[in-house]
């Protein structure tokens, strides 16, 4: 374990003995929360922009952070990034790698931001992206159903009520019923997106920060 791994292990200062591998595997989330990496980097870059705009970090630090994050992005996309169990989660893995690449500027990135801030922001960014993805897939599905409906207007199906044959219906009309159902699903996703699309940064560890 190098200096970055040891310092970044969240509970290392509380115990005199090293953490067992079993506990590491139990408490670590990196192998499923690494899916948040794009949101984590996007949130950190936006936070760095704010720190630079408020003159809390120097322009050189700002550029170093952006350069380091660009390299980390490339490493993750290429599969070269080494996710480490000792660093517990996606946030500490990226932060440790950034500090390894750019030194002190990487340590200053977390100024005015708590881990709770970061996690809440990452999850919201990730959810927003997934909602947008699902919304796009719903639109594609509806378009496909409309195409099927247009080709099958004259195809007649038996409609059922109480498990018995009732009225004849157009297969095209039947498909359009599903288009409407998926429209309601899209509306629900839109409502969720509006609730998710709120920035939680600013609370810091509990009740804010002294930085402007």
C-alpha atoms as a PDB file:
ATOM      1  CA  UNK A   1       0.000   0.000   0.000  1.00  0.00           C
ATOM      2  CA  UNK A   2       1.463   3.367  -0.993  1.00  0.00           C
ATOM      3  CA  UNK A   3       1.053   6.688   0.824  1.00  0.00           C
ATOM      4  CA  UNK A   4      -2.036   7.601  -1.191  1.00  0.00           C
ATOM      5  CA  UNK A   5      -3.774   4.304  -0.459  1.00  0.00           C
ATOM      6  CA  UNK A   6      -3.002   4.475   3.258  1.00  0.00           C
ATOM      7  CA  UNK A   7      -4.091   8.075   3.690  1.00  0.00           C
ATOM      8  CA  UNK A   8      -7.292   7.601   1.721  1.00  0.00           C
ATOM      9  CA  UNK A   9      -8.526   4.535   3.590  1.00  0.00           C
ATOM     10  CA  UNK A  10     -11.472   6.112   5.365  1.00  0.00           C
ATOM     11  CA  UNK A  11     -11.267   4.252   8.690  1.00  0.00           C
ATOM     12  CA  UNK A  12      -7.479   3.796   8.922  1.00  0.00           C
ATOM     13  CA  UNK A  13      -7.001   6.406  11.657  1.00  0.00           C
ATOM     14  CA  UNK A  14      -9.476   4.741  14.034  1.00  0.00           C
ATOM     15  CA  UNK A  15      -7.751   1.388  14.501  1.00  0.00           C
ATOM     16  CA  UNK A  16      -4.287   0.259  15.550  1.00  0.00           C
ATOM     17  CA  UNK A  17      -4.456  -2.953  13.492  1.00  0.00           C
ATOM     18  CA  UNK A  18      -4.883  -3.185   9.713  1.00  0.00           C
ATOM     19  CA  UNK A  19      -8.374  -3.854   8.437  1.00  0.00           C
ATOM     20  CA  UNK A  20      -8.969  -7.489   7.501  1.00  0.00           C
ATOM     21  CA  UNK A  21      -9.583  -8.413   3.885  1.00  0.00           C
ATOM     22  CA  UNK A  22     -13.027  -9.738   4.819  1.00  0.00           C
ATOM     23  CA  UNK A  23     -14.075  -6.376   6.275  1.00  0.00           C
ATOM     24  CA  UNK A  24     -12.620  -4.565   3.271  1.00  0.00           C
ATOM     25  CA  UNK A  25     -14.698  -6.666   0.911  1.00  0.00           C
ATOM     26  CA  UNK A  26     -17.795  -6.162   3.064  1.00  0.00           C
ATOM     27  CA  UNK A  27     -17.505  -2.376   3.406  1.00  0.00           C
ATOM     28  CA  UNK A  28     -16.130  -1.552  -0.035  1.00  0.00           C
ATOM     29  CA  UNK A  29     -18.582  -0.345  -2.669  1.00  0.00           C
ATOM     30  CA  UNK A  30     -16.130   0.358  -5.480  1.00  0.00           C
ATOM     31  CA  UNK A  31     -17.050  -2.660  -7.565  1.00  0.00           C
ATOM     32  CA  UNK A  32     -20.618  -1.468  -8.018  1.00  0.00           C
ATOM     33  CA  UNK A  33     -20.438   2.311  -7.480  1.00  0.00           C
ATOM     34  CA  UNK A  34     -17.657   2.706 -10.049  1.00  0.00           C
ATOM     35  CA  UNK A  35     -20.530   3.142 -12.513  1.00  0.00           C
ATOM     36  CA  UNK A  36     -20.753   6.678 -11.055  1.00  0.00           C
ATOM     37  CA  UNK A  37     -17.308   7.651 -12.335  1.00  0.00           C
ATOM     38  CA  UNK A  38     -18.526  10.006 -15.059  1.00  0.00           C
ATOM     39  CA  UNK A  39     -20.836  11.781 -12.632  1.00  0.00           C
ATOM     40  CA  UNK A  40     -18.048  11.951 -10.043  1.00  0.00           C
ATOM     41  CA  UNK A  41     -15.629  13.565 -12.486  1.00  0.00           C
ATOM     42  CA  UNK A  42     -18.269  15.936 -13.884  1.00  0.00           C
ATOM     43  CA  UNK A  43     -19.244  17.041 -10.374  1.00  0.00           C
ATOM     44  CA  UNK A  44     -15.623  17.523  -9.348  1.00  0.00           C
ATOM     45  CA  UNK A  45     -14.822  19.567 -12.452  1.00  0.00           C
ATOM     46  CA  UNK A  46     -17.821  21.816 -11.797  1.00  0.00           C
ATOM     47  CA  UNK A  47     -16.708  22.195  -8.172  1.00  0.00           C
ATOM     48  CA  UNK A  48     -13.191  23.073  -9.341  1.00  0.00           C
ATOM     49  CA  UNK A  49     -14.662  25.711 -11.672  1.00  0.00           C
ATOM     50  CA  UNK A  50     -16.463  27.244  -8.698  1.00  0.00           C
ATOM     51  CA  UNK A  51     -13.348  27.194  -6.502  1.00  0.00           C
ATOM     52  CA  UNK A  52     -11.372  28.934  -9.238  1.00  0.00           C
ATOM     53  CA  UNK A  53     -14.115  31.494  -9.915  1.00  0.00           C
ATOM     54  CA  UNK A  54     -14.234  32.334  -6.191  1.00  0.00           C
ATOM     55  CA  UNK A  55     -10.418  32.543  -6.133  1.00  0.00           C
ATOM     56  CA  UNK A  56     -10.262  29.814  -3.503  1.00  0.00           C
ATOM     57  CA  UNK A  57      -7.778  27.883  -5.635  1.00  0.00           C
ATOM     58  CA  UNK A  58      -5.167  29.343  -7.984  1.00  0.00           C
ATOM     59  CA  UNK A  59      -5.594  29.210 -11.781  1.00  0.00           C
ATOM     60  CA  UNK A  60      -2.650  26.810 -11.974  1.00  0.00           C
ATOM     61  CA  UNK A  61      -4.340  24.419  -9.562  1.00  0.00           C
ATOM     62  CA  UNK A  62      -7.523  24.633 -11.606  1.00  0.00           C
ATOM     63  CA  UNK A  63      -5.701  23.709 -14.804  1.00  0.00           C
ATOM     64  CA  UNK A  64      -3.843  20.883 -13.081  1.00  0.00           C
ATOM     65  CA  UNK A  65      -7.115  19.419 -11.807  1.00  0.00           C
ATOM     66  CA  UNK A  66      -8.679  19.561 -15.274  1.00  0.00           C
ATOM     67  CA  UNK A  67      -5.613  17.958 -16.834  1.00  0.00           C
ATOM     68  CA  UNK A  68      -5.546  15.202 -14.230  1.00  0.00           C
ATOM     69  CA  UNK A  69      -9.247  14.483 -14.625  1.00  0.00           C
ATOM     70  CA  UNK A  70      -8.841  14.272 -18.399  1.00  0.00           C
ATOM     71  CA  UNK A  71      -6.159  11.623 -17.952  1.00  0.00           C
ATOM     72  CA  UNK A  72      -8.267   9.694 -15.445  1.00  0.00           C
ATOM     73  CA  UNK A  73     -11.182   9.765 -17.885  1.00  0.00           C
ATOM     74  CA  UNK A  74      -8.940   8.346 -20.589  1.00  0.00           C
ATOM     75  CA  UNK A  75      -7.640   5.644 -18.258  1.00  0.00           C
ATOM     76  CA  UNK A  76     -11.123   4.540 -17.207  1.00  0.00           C
ATOM     77  CA  UNK A  77     -12.466   4.525 -20.753  1.00  0.00           C
ATOM     78  CA  UNK A  78      -9.513   2.451 -21.960  1.00  0.00           C
ATOM     79  CA  UNK A  79      -9.744   0.013 -19.049  1.00  0.00           C
ATOM     80  CA  UNK A  80      -6.303   0.967 -17.738  1.00  0.00           C
ATOM     81  CA  UNK A  81      -7.550   2.530 -14.493  1.00  0.00           C
ATOM     82  CA  UNK A  82      -6.855   0.363 -11.446  1.00  0.00           C
ATOM     83  CA  UNK A  83      -9.816   0.250  -9.079  1.00  0.00           C
ATOM     84  CA  UNK A  84      -8.521  -0.512  -5.577  1.00  0.00           C
ATOM     85  CA  UNK A  85     -10.477  -2.258  -2.854  1.00  0.00           C
ATOM     86  CA  UNK A  86      -8.464  -0.449  -0.158  1.00  0.00           C
ATOM     87  CA  UNK A  87      -9.868   2.875  -1.371  1.00  0.00           C
ATOM     88  CA  UNK A  88     -13.408   1.642  -0.768  1.00  0.00           C
ATOM     89  CA  UNK A  89     -15.408   3.618  -3.327  1.00  0.00           C
ATOM     90  CA  UNK A  90     -15.362   5.444  -6.646  1.00  0.00           C
ATOM     91  CA  UNK A  91     -14.803   8.817  -4.983  1.00  0.00           C
ATOM     92  CA  UNK A  92     -11.650   7.901  -3.068  1.00  0.00           C
ATOM     93  CA  UNK A  93     -10.262   5.954  -6.022  1.00  0.00           C
ATOM     94  CA  UNK A  94     -10.533   8.950  -8.342  1.00  0.00           C
ATOM     95  CA  UNK A  95      -9.361  11.425  -5.699  1.00  0.00           C
ATOM     96  CA  UNK A  96      -6.290   9.328  -4.868  1.00  0.00           C
ATOM     97  CA  UNK A  97      -5.392   8.927  -8.534  1.00  0.00           C
ATOM     98  CA  UNK A  98      -5.808  12.663  -9.129  1.00  0.00           C
ATOM     99  CA  UNK A  99      -3.492  13.474  -6.219  1.00  0.00           C
ATOM    100  CA  UNK A 100      -1.034  10.911  -7.533  1.00  0.00           C
ATOM    101  CA  UNK A 101      -1.044  12.612 -10.933  1.00  0.00           C
ATOM    102  CA  UNK A 102      -1.033  16.312 -10.015  1.00  0.00           C
ATOM    103  CA  UNK A 103       0.022  16.467  -6.364  1.00  0.00           C
ATOM    104  CA  UNK A 104      -1.257  19.199  -4.036  1.00  0.00           C
ATOM    105  CA  UNK A 105      -3.822  20.681  -6.461  1.00  0.00           C
ATOM    106  CA  UNK A 106      -5.643  17.356  -6.260  1.00  0.00           C
ATOM    107  CA  UNK A 107      -5.870  17.687  -2.479  1.00  0.00           C
ATOM    108  CA  UNK A 108      -7.365  21.177  -2.802  1.00  0.00           C
ATOM    109  CA  UNK A 109     -10.225  19.961  -4.981  1.00  0.00           C
ATOM    110  CA  UNK A 110     -12.226  18.842  -1.944  1.00  0.00           C
ATOM    111  CA  UNK A 111     -12.122  22.323  -0.362  1.00  0.00           C
ATOM    112  CA  UNK A 112     -15.573  23.384   0.823  1.00  0.00           C
ATOM    113  CA  UNK A 113     -17.116  20.027  -0.055  1.00  0.00           C
ATOM    114  CA  UNK A 114     -17.867  17.016   2.119  1.00  0.00           C
ATOM    115  CA  UNK A 115     -18.047  13.404   1.051  1.00  0.00           C
ATOM    116  CA  UNK A 116     -21.794  13.538   1.694  1.00  0.00           C
ATOM    117  CA  UNK A 117     -22.048  16.499  -0.696  1.00  0.00           C
ATOM    118  CA  UNK A 118     -20.118  14.574  -3.295  1.00  0.00           C
ATOM    119  CA  UNK A 119     -22.089  11.342  -2.992  1.00  0.00           C
ATOM    120  CA  UNK A 120     -25.462  13.103  -3.141  1.00  0.00           C
ATOM    121  CA  UNK A 121     -24.382  15.086  -6.199  1.00  0.00           C
ATOM    122  CA  UNK A 122     -22.948  12.056  -7.989  1.00  0.00           C
ATOM    123  CA  UNK A 123     -26.071   9.984  -7.434  1.00  0.00           C
ATOM    124  CA  UNK A 124     -28.317  12.764  -8.729  1.00  0.00           C
ATOM    125  CA  UNK A 125     -26.158  13.308 -11.798  1.00  0.00           C
ATOM    126  CA  UNK A 126     -26.090   9.578 -12.519  1.00  0.00           C
ATOM    127  CA  UNK A 127     -29.840   9.237 -12.054  1.00  0.00           C
ATOM    128  CA  UNK A 128     -30.486  12.207 -14.328  1.00  0.00           C
ATOM    129  CA  UNK A 129     -28.392  10.616 -17.046  1.00  0.00           C
ATOM    130  CA  UNK A 130     -30.122   7.254 -16.668  1.00  0.00           C
ATOM    131  CA  UNK A 131     -33.543   8.917 -16.762  1.00  0.00           C
ATOM    132  CA  UNK A 132     -32.586  10.710 -19.975  1.00  0.00           C
ATOM    133  CA  UNK A 133     -31.379   7.414 -21.438  1.00  0.00           C
ATOM    134  CA  UNK A 134     -34.617   5.644 -20.526  1.00  0.00           C
ATOM    135  CA  UNK A 135     -36.629   8.569 -21.896  1.00  0.00           C
ATOM    136  CA  UNK A 136     -34.856   8.258 -25.226  1.00  0.00           C
ATOM    137  CA  UNK A 137     -35.487   4.510 -25.321  1.00  0.00           C
ATOM    138  CA  UNK A 138     -39.177   5.081 -24.601  1.00  0.00           C
ATOM    139  CA  UNK A 139     -39.400   7.460 -27.554  1.00  0.00           C
ATOM    140  CA  UNK A 140     -37.719   4.899 -29.817  1.00  0.00           C
ATOM    141  CA  UNK A 141     -40.134   2.228 -28.610  1.00  0.00           C
ATOM    142  CA  UNK A 142     -43.142   4.463 -29.247  1.00  0.00           C
ATOM    143  CA  UNK A 143     -41.941   5.246 -32.767  1.00  0.00           C
ATOM    144  CA  UNK A 144     -41.581   1.540 -33.483  1.00  0.00           C
ATOM    145  CA  UNK A 145     -45.101   0.861 -32.203  1.00  0.00           C
ATOM    146  CA  UNK A 146     -46.541   3.683 -34.314  1.00  0.00           C
ATOM    147  CA  UNK A 147     -44.878   2.180 -37.398  1.00  0.00           C
ATOM    148  CA  UNK A 148     -46.420  -1.204 -36.603  1.00  0.00           C
ATOM    149  CA  UNK A 149     -49.803   0.437 -36.033  1.00  0.00           C
ATOM    150  CA  UNK A 150     -49.703   2.246 -39.372  1.00  0.00           C
ATOM    151  CA  UNK A 151     -49.023  -1.019 -41.183  1.00  0.00           C
ATOM    152  CA  UNK A 152     -51.807  -2.904 -39.413  1.00  0.00           C
ATOM    153  CA  UNK A 153     -54.792  -0.567 -39.398  1.00  0.00           C
ATOM    154  CA  UNK A 154     -56.902  -3.079 -41.331  1.00  0.00           C
ATOM    155  CA  UNK A 155     -55.886  -6.088 -39.247  1.00  0.00           C
ATOM    156  CA  UNK A 156     -58.770  -6.990 -36.944  1.00  0.00           C
ATOM    157  CA  UNK A 157     -58.401  -8.624 -33.541  1.00  0.00           C
ATOM    158  CA  UNK A 158     -61.035  -9.885 -31.127  1.00  0.00           C
ATOM    159  CA  UNK A 159     -61.291  -7.673 -28.067  1.00  0.00           C
ATOM    160  CA  UNK A 160     -61.933  -9.432 -24.761  1.00  0.00           C
ATOM    161  CA  UNK A 161     -63.841  -8.522 -21.628  1.00  0.00           C
ATOM    162  CA  UNK A 162     -64.143 -10.925 -18.677  1.00  0.00           C
ATOM    163  CA  UNK A 163     -62.129 -13.452 -20.696  1.00  0.00           C
ATOM    164  CA  UNK A 164     -64.801 -13.521 -23.390  1.00  0.00           C
ATOM    165  CA  UNK A 165     -64.723 -12.287 -26.974  1.00  0.00           C
ATOM    166  CA  UNK A 166     -66.353  -8.857 -27.122  1.00  0.00           C
ATOM    167  CA  UNK A 167     -65.768  -6.158 -29.749  1.00  0.00           C
ATOM    168  CA  UNK A 168     -63.533  -6.352 -32.811  1.00  0.00           C
ATOM    169  CA  UNK A 169     -60.572  -3.957 -32.640  1.00  0.00           C
ATOM    170  CA  UNK A 170     -57.887  -2.843 -35.059  1.00  0.00           C
ATOM    171  CA  UNK A 171     -54.454  -4.251 -34.313  1.00  0.00           C
ATOM    172  CA  UNK A 172     -53.072  -0.804 -35.140  1.00  0.00           C
ATOM    173  CA  UNK A 173     -55.381   0.762 -32.569  1.00  0.00           C
ATOM    174  CA  UNK A 174     -54.307  -1.864 -30.052  1.00  0.00           C
ATOM    175  CA  UNK A 175     -50.650  -0.891 -30.599  1.00  0.00           C
ATOM    176  CA  UNK A 176     -51.476   2.797 -30.124  1.00  0.00           C
ATOM    177  CA  UNK A 177     -52.896   1.950 -26.713  1.00  0.00           C
ATOM    178  CA  UNK A 178     -49.385   0.906 -25.694  1.00  0.00           C
ATOM    179  CA  UNK A 179     -47.993   4.129 -27.152  1.00  0.00           C
ATOM    180  CA  UNK A 180     -50.256   6.015 -24.736  1.00  0.00           C
ATOM    181  CA  UNK A 181     -49.200   3.815 -21.841  1.00  0.00           C
ATOM    182  CA  UNK A 182     -45.551   4.537 -22.529  1.00  0.00           C
ATOM    183  CA  UNK A 183     -46.376   8.254 -22.774  1.00  0.00           C
ATOM    184  CA  UNK A 184     -47.593   8.085 -19.191  1.00  0.00           C
ATOM    185  CA  UNK A 185     -44.381   6.296 -18.218  1.00  0.00           C
ATOM    186  CA  UNK A 186     -42.399   9.083 -19.892  1.00  0.00           C
ATOM    187  CA  UNK A 187     -44.379  11.654 -17.894  1.00  0.00           C
ATOM    188  CA  UNK A 188     -43.517   9.827 -14.689  1.00  0.00           C
ATOM    189  CA  UNK A 189     -39.841   9.798 -15.633  1.00  0.00           C
ATOM    190  CA  UNK A 190     -40.045  13.525 -16.330  1.00  0.00           C
ATOM    191  CA  UNK A 191     -41.491  14.156 -12.872  1.00  0.00           C
ATOM    192  CA  UNK A 192     -38.714  12.120 -11.289  1.00  0.00           C
ATOM    193  CA  UNK A 193     -36.127  14.028 -13.322  1.00  0.00           C
ATOM    194  CA  UNK A 194     -37.437  17.358 -12.058  1.00  0.00           C
ATOM    195  CA  UNK A 195     -37.089  16.137  -8.489  1.00  0.00           C
ATOM    196  CA  UNK A 196     -33.613  14.706  -9.100  1.00  0.00           C
ATOM    197  CA  UNK A 197     -32.328  17.762 -10.975  1.00  0.00           C
ATOM    198  CA  UNK A 198     -31.540  19.792  -7.854  1.00  0.00           C
ATOM    199  CA  UNK A 199     -28.021  20.601  -6.709  1.00  0.00           C
ATOM    200  CA  UNK A 200     -27.341  19.341  -3.163  1.00  0.00           C
ATOM    201  CA  UNK A 201     -23.883  20.938  -2.820  1.00  0.00           C
ATOM    202  CA  UNK A 202     -23.366  23.501  -0.080  1.00  0.00           C
ATOM    203  CA  UNK A 203     -24.268  21.691   3.121  1.00  0.00           C
ATOM    204  CA  UNK A 204     -20.687  20.375   3.399  1.00  0.00           C
ATOM    205  CA  UNK A 205     -20.276  18.011   6.370  1.00  0.00           C
ATOM    206  CA  UNK A 206     -23.402  19.312   8.106  1.00  0.00           C
ATOM    207  CA  UNK A 207     -24.231  23.008   8.244  1.00  0.00           C
ATOM    208  CA  UNK A 208     -22.326  24.660   5.431  1.00  0.00           C
ATOM    209  CA  UNK A 209     -18.797  25.987   5.056  1.00  0.00           C
ATOM    210  CA  UNK A 210     -16.966  29.196   5.906  1.00  0.00           C
ATOM    211  CA  UNK A 211     -15.784  29.546   2.316  1.00  0.00           C
ATOM    212  CA  UNK A 212     -17.731  32.105   0.262  1.00  0.00           C
END
